[in-house]
Every structure is written in C-alpha cells, then in structure tokens.
C-alpha cells in the first residue's frame, strides 16, 4: 500500500534560539534533527553557534544531545566561556587569544 500524504509532511523544522547571557541577542541555535548513528536513524538535539550565514555555524560541545537540557547546558557553557575571558583580562591584565574555542592566556 502506498504511503499517504499528510499535512504534517509540510511542516518545517523548528529552531530554538539560545540568547547571549543577559541579552536577547542570539548566541546558539538548538534544533531537533534526524541523524544516523552507528548505521541507525536516531533523533537528537543539535547545537550550533548562531550566525546569519548558515555556512558559518559551528557545532558547540559534542554537537548532538539526547536531552534538550543537555543541549541548552552546552550552549550556556560556550556562551559563558566567551564572556569570561573579558572578566579575566580585566582582573589580571593578561590578554586572551581564542582559537577554535580554546582560550590561551598571554
């Protein structure tokens, strides 16, 4: 028997925007996606950095999470890591160089 079309087939994916701490500016996008894991189809929460150009978005943390709470925590930790070096610099006078998400203090 042929599969029948249903209006749900026309739905577009939903995105959750994780804001920069203390603002409403976007920091990360969390989306429920279908992926293949060990040859099996599964669904996971994917966390990527926010950028108007989708080609410039990067996975945050492990990238894919079973629970929404874990995905949000990954976005939160990365957001804090971006603002923390500014606080460290103002208190220590050391500069911070950030490459590939890793802070190097000089």
PDB file of N, CA and C in Angstrom:
ATOM      1  N   UNK A   1       0.843  -1.171   0.000  1.00  0.00           N
ATOM      2  CA  UNK A   1       0.000   0.000   0.000  1.00  0.00           C
ATOM      3  C   UNK A   1       0.899   1.249   0.000  1.00  0.00           C
ATOM      4  N   UNK A   2       0.574   2.192  -0.845  1.00  0.00           N
ATOM      5  CA  UNK A   2       1.357   3.421  -0.967  1.00  0.00           C
ATOM      6  C   UNK A   2       1.185   4.293   0.271  1.00  0.00           C
ATOM      7  N   UNK A   3       2.270   4.998   0.615  1.00  0.00           N
ATOM      8  CA  UNK A   3       2.182   5.927   1.737  1.00  0.00           C
ATOM      9  C   UNK A   3       1.283   7.084   1.354  1.00  0.00           C
ATOM     10  N   UNK A   4       0.508   7.559   2.319  1.00  0.00           N
ATOM     11  CA  UNK A   4      -0.401   8.669   2.065  1.00  0.00           C
ATOM     12  C   UNK A   4       0.197   9.953   2.610  1.00  0.00           C
ATOM     13  N   UNK A   5      -0.047  11.005   1.864  1.00  0.00           N
ATOM     14  CA  UNK A   5       0.422  12.320   2.275  1.00  0.00           C
ATOM     15  C   UNK A   5      -0.420  12.814   3.436  1.00  0.00           C
ATOM     16  N   UNK A   6       0.193  13.539   4.322  1.00  0.00           N
ATOM     17  CA  UNK A   6      -0.489  14.153   5.462  1.00  0.00           C
ATOM     18  C   UNK A   6       0.030  15.583   5.600  1.00  0.00           C
ATOM     19  N   UNK A   7      -0.787  16.528   6.053  1.00  0.00           N
ATOM     20  CA  UNK A   7      -0.320  17.907   6.220  1.00  0.00           C
ATOM     21  C   UNK A   7       0.929  18.032   7.093  1.00  0.00           C
ATOM     22  N   UNK A   8       1.129  17.118   8.014  1.00  0.00           N
ATOM     23  CA  UNK A   8       2.323  17.191   8.858  1.00  0.00           C
ATOM     24  C   UNK A   8       3.590  17.073   8.004  1.00  0.00           C
ATOM     25  N   UNK A   9       3.480  16.475   6.825  1.00  0.00           N
ATOM     26  CA  UNK A   9       4.627  16.348   5.927  1.00  0.00           C
ATOM     27  C   UNK A   9       5.121  17.700   5.415  1.00  0.00           C
ATOM     28  N   UNK A  10       4.335  18.731   5.544  1.00  0.00           N
ATOM     29  CA  UNK A  10       4.717  20.061   5.056  1.00  0.00           C
ATOM     30  C   UNK A  10       5.361  20.929   6.131  1.00  0.00           C
ATOM     31  N   UNK A  11       5.387  20.461   7.365  1.00  0.00           N
ATOM     32  CA  UNK A  11       5.949  21.252   8.456  1.00  0.00           C
ATOM     33  C   UNK A  11       7.446  21.468   8.262  1.00  0.00           C
ATOM     34  N   UNK A  12       7.908  22.636   8.594  1.00  0.00           N
ATOM     35  CA  UNK A  12       9.323  22.963   8.536  1.00  0.00           C
ATOM     36  C   UNK A  12       9.935  22.805   9.929  1.00  0.00           C
ATOM     37  N   UNK A  13      11.239  22.535  10.004  1.00  0.00           N
ATOM     38  CA  UNK A  13      11.862  22.346  11.319  1.00  0.00           C
ATOM     39  C   UNK A  13      11.793  23.605  12.176  1.00  0.00           C
ATOM     40  N   UNK A  14      11.671  23.370  13.452  1.00  0.00           N
ATOM     41  CA  UNK A  14      11.631  24.485  14.407  1.00  0.00           C
ATOM     42  C   UNK A  14      13.011  24.659  15.022  1.00  0.00           C
ATOM     43  N   UNK A  15      13.359  25.888  15.302  1.00  0.00           N
ATOM     44  CA  UNK A  15      14.627  26.187  15.949  1.00  0.00           C
ATOM     45  C   UNK A  15      14.362  26.903  17.263  1.00  0.00           C
ATOM     46  N   UNK A  16      15.184  26.596  18.217  1.00  0.00           N
ATOM     47  CA  UNK A  16      15.167  27.313  19.485  1.00  0.00           C
ATOM     48  C   UNK A  16      16.411  28.190  19.507  1.00  0.00           C
ATOM     49  N   UNK A  17      16.247  29.434  19.831  1.00  0.00           N
ATOM     50  CA  UNK A  17      17.380  30.358  19.887  1.00  0.00           C
ATOM     51  C   UNK A  17      17.826  30.510  21.332  1.00  0.00           C
ATOM     52  N   UNK A  18      19.095  30.230  21.587  1.00  0.00           N
ATOM     53  CA  UNK A  18      19.674  30.424  22.909  1.00  0.00           C
ATOM     54  C   UNK A  18      20.349  31.799  22.897  1.00  0.00           C
ATOM     55  N   UNK A  19      19.922  32.716  23.776  1.00  0.00           N
ATOM     56  CA  UNK A  19      20.475  34.081  23.740  1.00  0.00           C
ATOM     57  C   UNK A  19      21.825  34.204  24.452  1.00  0.00           C
ATOM     58  N   UNK A  20      22.564  35.247  24.069  1.00  0.00           N
ATOM     59  CA  UNK A  20      23.778  35.585  24.804  1.00  0.00           C
ATOM     60  C   UNK A  20      23.349  35.946  26.224  1.00  0.00           C
ATOM     61  N   UNK A  21      24.127  35.553  27.233  1.00  0.00           N
ATOM     62  CA  UNK A  21      23.737  35.844  28.613  1.00  0.00           C
ATOM     63  C   UNK A  21      23.436  37.329  28.830  1.00  0.00           C
ATOM     64  N   UNK A  22      22.313  37.597  29.447  1.00  0.00           N
ATOM     65  CA  UNK A  22      21.923  38.956  29.784  1.00  0.00           C
ATOM     66  C   UNK A  22      21.370  39.767  28.631  1.00  0.00           C
ATOM     67  N   UNK A  23      21.162  39.131  27.467  1.00  0.00           N
ATOM     68  CA  UNK A  23      20.640  39.849  26.308  1.00  0.00           C
ATOM     69  C   UNK A  23      19.561  39.009  25.626  1.00  0.00           C
ATOM     70  N   UNK A  24      18.998  39.560  24.583  1.00  0.00           N
ATOM     71  CA  UNK A  24      18.087  38.797  23.736  1.00  0.00           C
ATOM     72  C   UNK A  24      18.751  38.503  22.387  1.00  0.00           C
ATOM     73  N   UNK A  25      20.038  38.840  22.265  1.00  0.00           N
ATOM     74  CA  UNK A  25      20.781  38.582  21.040  1.00  0.00           C
ATOM     75  C   UNK A  25      21.059  37.087  20.911  1.00  0.00           C
ATOM     76  N   UNK A  26      20.931  36.536  19.712  1.00  0.00           N
ATOM     77  CA  UNK A  26      21.146  35.092  19.550  1.00  0.00           C
ATOM     78  C   UNK A  26      22.601  34.697  19.740  1.00  0.00           C
ATOM     79  N   UNK A  27      22.815  33.574  20.403  1.00  0.00           N
ATOM     80  CA  UNK A  27      24.147  33.011  20.584  1.00  0.00           C
ATOM     81  C   UNK A  27      24.249  31.644  19.913  1.00  0.00           C
ATOM     82  N   UNK A  28      23.208  30.824  20.086  1.00  0.00           N
ATOM     83  CA  UNK A  28      23.227  29.466  19.541  1.00  0.00           C
ATOM     84  C   UNK A  28      21.835  29.085  19.040  1.00  0.00           C
ATOM     85  N   UNK A  29      21.818  28.079  18.190  1.00  0.00           N
ATOM     86  CA  UNK A  29      20.570  27.526  17.678  1.00  0.00           C
ATOM     87  C   UNK A  29      20.513  26.068  18.109  1.00  0.00           C
ATOM     88  N   UNK A  30      19.389  25.685  18.676  1.00  0.00           N
ATOM     89  CA  UNK A  30      19.165  24.299  19.082  1.00  0.00           C
ATOM     90  C   UNK A  30      18.015  23.779  18.238  1.00  0.00           C
ATOM     91  N   UNK A  31      18.238  22.650  17.583  1.00  0.00           N
ATOM     92  CA  UNK A  31      17.227  22.101  16.672  1.00  0.00           C
ATOM     93  C   UNK A  31      17.148  20.582  16.836  1.00  0.00           C
ATOM     94  N   UNK A  32      15.931  20.048  16.789  1.00  0.00           N
ATOM     95  CA  UNK A  32      15.699  18.602  16.817  1.00  0.00           C
ATOM     96  C   UNK A  32      15.911  18.084  15.403  1.00  0.00           C
ATOM     97  N   UNK A  33      16.864  17.171  15.223  1.00  0.00           N
ATOM     98  CA  UNK A  33      17.214  16.690  13.890  1.00  0.00           C
ATOM     99  C   UNK A  33      17.267  15.163  13.858  1.00  0.00           C
ATOM    100  N   UNK A  34      17.103  14.630  12.670  1.00  0.00           N
ATOM    101  CA  UNK A  34      17.274  13.201  12.441  1.00  0.00           C
ATOM    102  C   UNK A  34      18.679  12.974  11.908  1.00  0.00           C
ATOM    103  N   UNK A  35      19.408  12.044  12.526  1.00  0.00           N
ATOM    104  CA  UNK A  35      20.771  11.722  12.118  1.00  0.00           C
ATOM    105  C   UNK A  35      20.934  10.201  12.089  1.00  0.00           C
ATOM    106  N   UNK A  36      22.041   9.743  11.551  1.00  0.00           N
ATOM    107  CA  UNK A  36      22.366   8.320  11.557  1.00  0.00           C
ATOM    108  C   UNK A  36      23.508   8.102  12.529  1.00  0.00           C
ATOM    109  N   UNK A  37      23.318   7.190  13.461  1.00  0.00           N
ATOM    110  CA  UNK A  37      24.320   6.878  14.471  1.00  0.00           C
ATOM    111  C   UNK A  37      24.562   5.372  14.441  1.00  0.00           C
ATOM    112  N   UNK A  38      25.785   4.989  14.153  1.00  0.00           N
ATOM    113  CA  UNK A  38      26.122   3.566  14.026  1.00  0.00           C
ATOM    114  C   UNK A  38      25.194   2.864  13.048  1.00  0.00           C
ATOM    115  N   UNK A  39      24.873   3.533  11.962  1.00  0.00           N
ATOM    116  CA  UNK A  39      24.036   2.943  10.922  1.00  0.00           C
ATOM    117  C   UNK A  39      22.545   2.948  11.208  1.00  0.00           C
ATOM    118  N   UNK A  40      22.152   3.480  12.343  1.00  0.00           N
ATOM    119  CA  UNK A  40      20.743   3.504  12.726  1.00  0.00           C
ATOM    120  C   UNK A  40      20.212   4.936  12.738  1.00  0.00           C
ATOM    121  N   UNK A  41      19.010   5.153  12.219  1.00  0.00           N
ATOM    122  CA  UNK A  41      18.429   6.504  12.296  1.00  0.00           C
ATOM    123  C   UNK A  41      17.991   6.825  13.724  1.00  0.00           C
ATOM    124  N   UNK A  42      18.397   7.996  14.196  1.00  0.00           N
ATOM    125  CA  UNK A  42      18.018   8.466  15.533  1.00  0.00           C
ATOM    126  C   UNK A  42      17.706   9.953  15.443  1.00  0.00           C
ATOM    127  N   UNK A  43      17.082  10.485  16.457  1.00  0.00           N
ATOM    128  CA  UNK A  43      16.816  11.921  16.547  1.00  0.00           C
ATOM    129  C   UNK A  43      17.576  12.476  17.741  1.00  0.00           C
ATOM    130  N   UNK A  44      18.137  13.656  17.564  1.00  0.00           N
ATOM    131  CA  UNK A  44      18.927  14.305  18.616  1.00  0.00           C
ATOM    132  C   UNK A  44      18.721  15.813  18.547  1.00  0.00           C
ATOM    133  N   UNK A  45      19.069  16.493  19.647  1.00  0.00           N
ATOM    134  CA  UNK A  45      19.121  17.952  19.673  1.00  0.00           C
ATOM    135  C   UNK A  45      20.492  18.351  19.169  1.00  0.00           C
ATOM    136  N   UNK A  46      20.555  19.198  18.153  1.00  0.00           N
ATOM    137  CA  UNK A  46      21.832  19.682  17.614  1.00  0.00           C
ATOM    138  C   UNK A  46      22.017  21.123  18.075  1.00  0.00           C
ATOM    139  N   UNK A  47      23.244  21.444  18.515  1.00  0.00           N
ATOM    140  CA  UNK A  47      23.562  22.790  18.990  1.00  0.00           C
ATOM    141  C   UNK A  47      24.652  23.376  18.104  1.00  0.00           C
ATOM    142  N   UNK A  48      24.352  24.512  17.499  1.00  0.00           N
ATOM    143  CA  UNK A  48      25.330  25.205  16.662  1.00  0.00           C
ATOM    144  C   UNK A  48      25.406  26.672  17.067  1.00  0.00           C
ATOM    145  N   UNK A  49      26.555  27.270  16.791  1.00  0.00           N
ATOM    146  CA  UNK A  49      26.707  28.705  17.032  1.00  0.00           C
ATOM    147  C   UNK A  49      25.768  29.460  16.105  1.00  0.00           C
ATOM    148  N   UNK A  50      25.290  30.615  16.557  1.00  0.00           N
ATOM    149  CA  UNK A  50      24.397  31.409  15.718  1.00  0.00           C
ATOM    150  C   UNK A  50      25.224  32.247  14.764  1.00  0.00           C
ATOM    151  N   UNK A  51      24.801  32.287  13.527  1.00  0.00           N
ATOM    152  CA  UNK A  51      25.373  33.175  12.531  1.00  0.00           C
ATOM    153  C   UNK A  51      24.316  33.356  11.463  1.00  0.00           C
ATOM    154  N   UNK A  52      24.164  34.551  10.939  1.00  0.00           N
ATOM    155  CA  UNK A  52      23.171  34.801   9.890  1.00  0.00           C
ATOM    156  C   UNK A  52      23.454  33.938   8.662  1.00  0.00           C
ATOM    157  N   UNK A  53      24.726  33.637   8.425  1.00  0.00           N
ATOM    158  CA  UNK A  53      25.119  32.774   7.318  1.00  0.00           C
ATOM    159  C   UNK A  53      25.220  31.340   7.837  1.00  0.00           C
ATOM    160  N   UNK A  54      24.291  30.447   7.466  1.00  0.00           N
ATOM    161  CA  UNK A  54      24.313  29.075   7.973  1.00  0.00           C
ATOM    162  C   UNK A  54      25.637  28.342   7.719  1.00  0.00           C
ATOM    163  N   UNK A  55      26.368  28.724   6.679  1.00  0.00           N
ATOM    164  CA  UNK A  55      27.642  28.067   6.383  1.00  0.00           C
ATOM    165  C   UNK A  55      28.708  28.380   7.431  1.00  0.00           C
ATOM    166  N   UNK A  56      28.499  29.430   8.212  1.00  0.00           N
ATOM    167  CA  UNK A  56      29.474  29.827   9.229  1.00  0.00           C
ATOM    168  C   UNK A  56      29.116  29.309  10.620  1.00  0.00           C
ATOM    169  N   UNK A  57      28.045  28.560  10.738  1.00  0.00           N
ATOM    170  CA  UNK A  57      27.656  27.998  12.034  1.00  0.00           C
ATOM    171  C   UNK A  57      28.534  26.794  12.351  1.00  0.00           C
ATOM    172  N   UNK A  58      28.869  26.632  13.630  1.00  0.00           N
ATOM    173  CA  UNK A  58      29.723  25.534  14.074  1.00  0.00           C
ATOM    174  C   UNK A  58      29.065  24.790  15.232  1.00  0.00           C
ATOM    175  N   UNK A  59      29.295  23.475  15.272  1.00  0.00           N
ATOM    176  CA  UNK A  59      28.770  22.679  16.378  1.00  0.00           C
ATOM    177  C   UNK A  59      29.380  23.153  17.687  1.00  0.00           C
ATOM    178  N   UNK A  60      28.586  23.167  18.740  1.00  0.00           N
ATOM    179  CA  UNK A  60      29.066  23.534  20.078  1.00  0.00           C
ATOM    180  C   UNK A  60      29.098  22.286  20.943  1.00  0.00           C
ATOM    181  N   UNK A  61      30.135  22.160  21.745  1.00  0.00           N
ATOM    182  CA  UNK A  61      30.260  20.999  22.618  1.00  0.00           C
ATOM    183  C   UNK A  61      30.329  19.730  21.790  1.00  0.00           C
ATOM    184  N   UNK A  62      29.586  18.710  22.205  1.00  0.00           N
ATOM    185  CA  UNK A  62      29.537  17.456  21.463  1.00  0.00           C
ATOM    186  C   UNK A  62      28.690  17.596  20.203  1.00  0.00           C
ATOM    187  N   UNK A  63      27.920  18.670  20.126  1.00  0.00           N
ATOM    188  CA  UNK A  63      27.115  18.933  18.931  1.00  0.00           C
ATOM    189  C   UNK A  63      25.720  18.344  18.969  1.00  0.00           C
ATOM    190  N   UNK A  64      25.588  17.096  19.395  1.00  0.00           N
ATOM    191  CA  UNK A  64      24.296  16.399  19.391  1.00  0.00           C
ATOM    192  C   UNK A  64      24.007  15.838  20.782  1.00  0.00           C
ATOM    193  N   UNK A  65      22.763  16.012  21.220  1.00  0.00           N
ATOM    194  CA  UNK A  65      22.396  15.622  22.585  1.00  0.00           C
ATOM    195  C   UNK A  65      21.038  14.924  22.596  1.00  0.00           C
ATOM    196  N   UNK A  66      20.893  13.955  23.491  1.00  0.00           N
ATOM    197  CA  UNK A  66      19.607  13.251  23.637  1.00  0.00           C
ATOM    198  C   UNK A  66      18.567  14.123  24.313  1.00  0.00           C
ATOM    199  N   UNK A  67      19.002  14.917  25.270  1.00  0.00           N
ATOM    200  CA  UNK A  67      18.076  15.713  26.074  1.00  0.00           C
ATOM    201  C   UNK A  67      18.221  17.206  25.762  1.00  0.00           C
ATOM    202  N   UNK A  68      17.106  17.901  25.719  1.00  0.00           N
ATOM    203  CA  UNK A  68      17.114  19.344  25.488  1.00  0.00           C
ATOM    204  C   UNK A  68      17.898  20.062  26.579  1.00  0.00           C
ATOM    205  N   UNK A  69      17.791  19.593  27.810  1.00  0.00           N
ATOM    206  CA  UNK A  69      18.506  20.215  28.921  1.00  0.00           C
ATOM    207  C   UNK A  69      20.017  20.167  28.701  1.00  0.00           C
ATOM    208  N   UNK A  70      20.514  19.050  28.167  1.00  0.00           N
ATOM    209  CA  UNK A  70      21.948  18.921  27.903  1.00  0.00           C
ATOM    210  C   UNK A  70      22.380  19.842  26.761  1.00  0.00           C
ATOM    211  N   UNK A  71      21.541  19.965  25.756  1.00  0.00           N
ATOM    212  CA  UNK A  71      21.840  20.852  24.628  1.00  0.00           C
ATOM    213  C   UNK A  71      21.904  22.301  25.104  1.00  0.00           C
ATOM    214  N   UNK A  72      20.935  22.703  25.920  1.00  0.00           N
ATOM    215  CA  UNK A  72      20.913  24.065  26.442  1.00  0.00           C
ATOM    216  C   UNK A  72      22.119  24.327  27.348  1.00  0.00           C
ATOM    217  N   UNK A  73      22.517  23.334  28.130  1.00  0.00           N
ATOM    218  CA  UNK A  73      23.684  23.496  29.004  1.00  0.00           C
ATOM    219  C   UNK A  73      24.955  23.673  28.172  1.00  0.00           C
ATOM    220  N   UNK A  74      25.073  22.953  27.067  1.00  0.00           N
ATOM    221  CA  UNK A  74      26.240  23.107  26.193  1.00  0.00           C
ATOM    222  C   UNK A  74      26.295  24.532  25.639  1.00  0.00           C
ATOM    223  N   UNK A  75      25.163  25.047  25.191  1.00  0.00           N
ATOM    224  CA  UNK A  75      25.116  26.418  24.677  1.00  0.00           C
ATOM    225  C   UNK A  75      25.473  27.407  25.785  1.00  0.00           C
ATOM    226  N   UNK A  76      24.944  27.184  26.967  1.00  0.00           N
ATOM    227  CA  UNK A  76      25.203  28.063  28.113  1.00  0.00           C
ATOM    228  C   UNK A  76      26.698  28.087  28.457  1.00  0.00           C
ATOM    229  N   UNK A  77      27.317  26.918  28.520  1.00  0.00           N
ATOM    230  CA  UNK A  77      28.745  26.849  28.857  1.00  0.00           C
ATOM    231  C   UNK A  77      29.589  27.572  27.812  1.00  0.00           C
ATOM    232  N   UNK A  78      29.253  27.411  26.546  1.00  0.00           N
ATOM    233  CA  UNK A  78      30.021  28.093  25.498  1.00  0.00           C
ATOM    234  C   UNK A  78      29.805  29.601  25.548  1.00  0.00           C
ATOM    235  N   UNK A  79      28.591  30.010  25.872  1.00  0.00           N
ATOM    236  CA  UNK A  79      28.307  31.443  25.982  1.00  0.00           C
ATOM    237  C   UNK A  79      29.110  32.052  27.128  1.00  0.00           C
ATOM    238  N   UNK A  80      29.132  31.373  28.261  1.00  0.00           N
ATOM    239  CA  UNK A  80      29.900  31.874  29.403  1.00  0.00           C
ATOM    240  C   UNK A  80      31.394  31.889  29.106  1.00  0.00           C
ATOM    241  N   UNK A  81      31.875  30.893  28.384  1.00  0.00           N
ATOM    242  CA  UNK A  81      33.300  30.830  28.047  1.00  0.00           C
ATOM    243  C   UNK A  81      33.708  32.007  27.174  1.00  0.00           C
ATOM    244  N   UNK A  82      32.783  32.517  26.376  1.00  0.00           N
ATOM    245  CA  UNK A  82      33.114  33.668  25.540  1.00  0.00           C
ATOM    246  C   UNK A  82      33.170  34.969  26.328  1.00  0.00           C
ATOM    247  N   UNK A  83      32.345  35.095  27.365  1.00  0.00           N
ATOM    248  CA  UNK A  83      32.362  36.344  28.120  1.00  0.00           C
ATOM    249  C   UNK A  83      33.323  36.308  29.294  1.00  0.00           C
ATOM    250  N   UNK A  84      33.666  35.138  29.800  1.00  0.00           N
ATOM    251  CA  UNK A  84      34.557  35.016  30.949  1.00  0.00           C
ATOM    252  C   UNK A  84      35.940  35.571  30.685  1.00  0.00           C
ATOM    253  N   UNK A  85      36.572  35.315  29.510  1.00  0.00           N
ATOM    254  CA  UNK A  85      37.912  35.871  29.296  1.00  0.00           C
ATOM    255  C   UNK A  85      37.970  37.387  29.443  1.00  0.00           C
ATOM    256  N   UNK A  86      36.908  38.085  29.088  1.00  0.00           N
ATOM    257  CA  UNK A  86      36.895  39.541  29.268  1.00  0.00           C
ATOM    258  C   UNK A  86      37.003  39.900  30.740  1.00  0.00           C
ATOM    259  N   UNK A  87      36.334  39.149  31.583  1.00  0.00           N
ATOM    260  CA  UNK A  87      36.403  39.380  33.022  1.00  0.00           C
ATOM    261  C   UNK A  87      37.801  39.045  33.526  1.00  0.00           C
ATOM    262  N   UNK A  88      38.349  37.916  33.056  1.00  0.00           N
ATOM    263  CA  UNK A  88      39.695  37.518  33.468  1.00  0.00           C
ATOM    264  C   UNK A  88      40.705  38.572  33.055  1.00  0.00           C
ATOM    265  N   UNK A  89      40.595  39.073  31.845  1.00  0.00           N
ATOM    266  CA  UNK A  89      41.537  40.077  31.352  1.00  0.00           C
ATOM    267  C   UNK A  89      41.476  41.348  32.202  1.00  0.00           C
ATOM    268  N   UNK A  90      40.285  41.764  32.564  1.00  0.00           N
ATOM    269  CA  UNK A  90      40.157  42.995  33.335  1.00  0.00           C
ATOM    270  C   UNK A  90      40.703  42.834  34.744  1.00  0.00           C
ATOM    271  N   UNK A  91      40.724  41.603  35.254  1.00  0.00           N
ATOM    272  CA  UNK A  91      41.215  41.385  36.609  1.00  0.00           C
ATOM    273  C   UNK A  91      42.704  41.062  36.660  1.00  0.00           C
ATOM    274  N   UNK A  92      43.239  40.456  35.578  1.00  0.00           N
ATOM    275  CA  UNK A  92      44.629  40.006  35.624  1.00  0.00           C
ATOM    276  C   UNK A  92      45.552  40.820  34.737  1.00  0.00           C
ATOM    277  N   UNK A  93      44.969  41.531  33.769  1.00  0.00           N
ATOM    278  CA  UNK A  93      45.794  42.269  32.829  1.00  0.00           C
ATOM    279  C   UNK A  93      46.369  41.402  31.728  1.00  0.00           C
ATOM    280  N   UNK A  94      46.099  40.097  31.761  1.00  0.00           N
ATOM    281  CA  UNK A  94      46.591  39.205  30.709  1.00  0.00           C
ATOM    282  C   UNK A  94      45.639  39.251  29.525  1.00  0.00           C
ATOM    283  N   UNK A  95      46.174  39.121  28.332  1.00  0.00           N
ATOM    284  CA  UNK A  95      45.317  39.057  27.158  1.00  0.00           C
ATOM    285  C   UNK A  95      44.916  37.610  26.895  1.00  0.00           C
ATOM    286  N   UNK A  96      43.821  37.444  26.210  1.00  0.00           N
ATOM    287  CA  UNK A  96      43.314  36.112  25.918  1.00  0.00           C
ATOM    288  C   UNK A  96      43.187  35.966  24.409  1.00  0.00           C
ATOM    289  N   UNK A  97      43.798  34.913  23.879  1.00  0.00           N
ATOM    290  CA  UNK A  97      43.678  34.604  22.461  1.00  0.00           C
ATOM    291  C   UNK A  97      42.802  33.372  22.346  1.00  0.00           C
ATOM    292  N   UNK A  98      41.751  33.471  21.523  1.00  0.00           N
ATOM    293  CA  UNK A  98      40.799  32.386  21.401  1.00  0.00           C
ATOM    294  C   UNK A  98      40.887  31.804  19.995  1.00  0.00           C
ATOM    295  N   UNK A  99      41.230  30.512  19.923  1.00  0.00           N
ATOM    296  CA  UNK A  99      41.279  29.816  18.646  1.00  0.00           C
ATOM    297  C   UNK A  99      40.532  28.502  18.802  1.00  0.00           C
ATOM    298  N   UNK A 100      39.606  28.252  17.879  1.00  0.00           N
ATOM    299  CA  UNK A 100      38.818  27.014  17.869  1.00  0.00           C
ATOM    300  C   UNK A 100      38.174  26.755  19.226  1.00  0.00           C
ATOM    301  N   UNK A 101      37.731  27.794  19.892  1.00  0.00           N
ATOM    302  CA  UNK A 101      37.024  27.623  21.156  1.00  0.00           C
ATOM    303  C   UNK A 101      37.919  27.402  22.354  1.00  0.00           C
ATOM    304  N   UNK A 102      39.246  27.494  22.181  1.00  0.00           N
ATOM    305  CA  UNK A 102      40.179  27.260  23.284  1.00  0.00           C
ATOM    306  C   UNK A 102      40.834  28.580  23.647  1.00  0.00           C
ATOM    307  N   UNK A 103      40.812  28.919  24.914  1.00  0.00           N
ATOM    308  CA  UNK A 103      41.410  30.175  25.369  1.00  0.00           C
ATOM    309  C   UNK A 103      42.879  29.953  25.706  1.00  0.00           C
ATOM    310  N   UNK A 104      43.721  30.821  25.212  1.00  0.00           N
ATOM    311  CA  UNK A 104      45.150  30.805  25.551  1.00  0.00           C
ATOM    312  C   UNK A 104      45.466  32.128  26.207  1.00  0.00           C
ATOM    313  N   UNK A 105      46.027  32.075  27.391  1.00  0.00           N
ATOM    314  CA  UNK A 105      46.332  33.295  28.137  1.00  0.00           C
ATOM    315  C   UNK A 105      47.776  33.696  27.891  1.00  0.00           C
ATOM    316  N   UNK A 106      47.959  35.008  27.656  1.00  0.00           N
ATOM    317  CA  UNK A 106      49.326  35.518  27.412  1.00  0.00           C
ATOM    318  C   UNK A 106      49.589  36.713  28.302  1.00  0.00           C
TER     319      UNK A 106
END
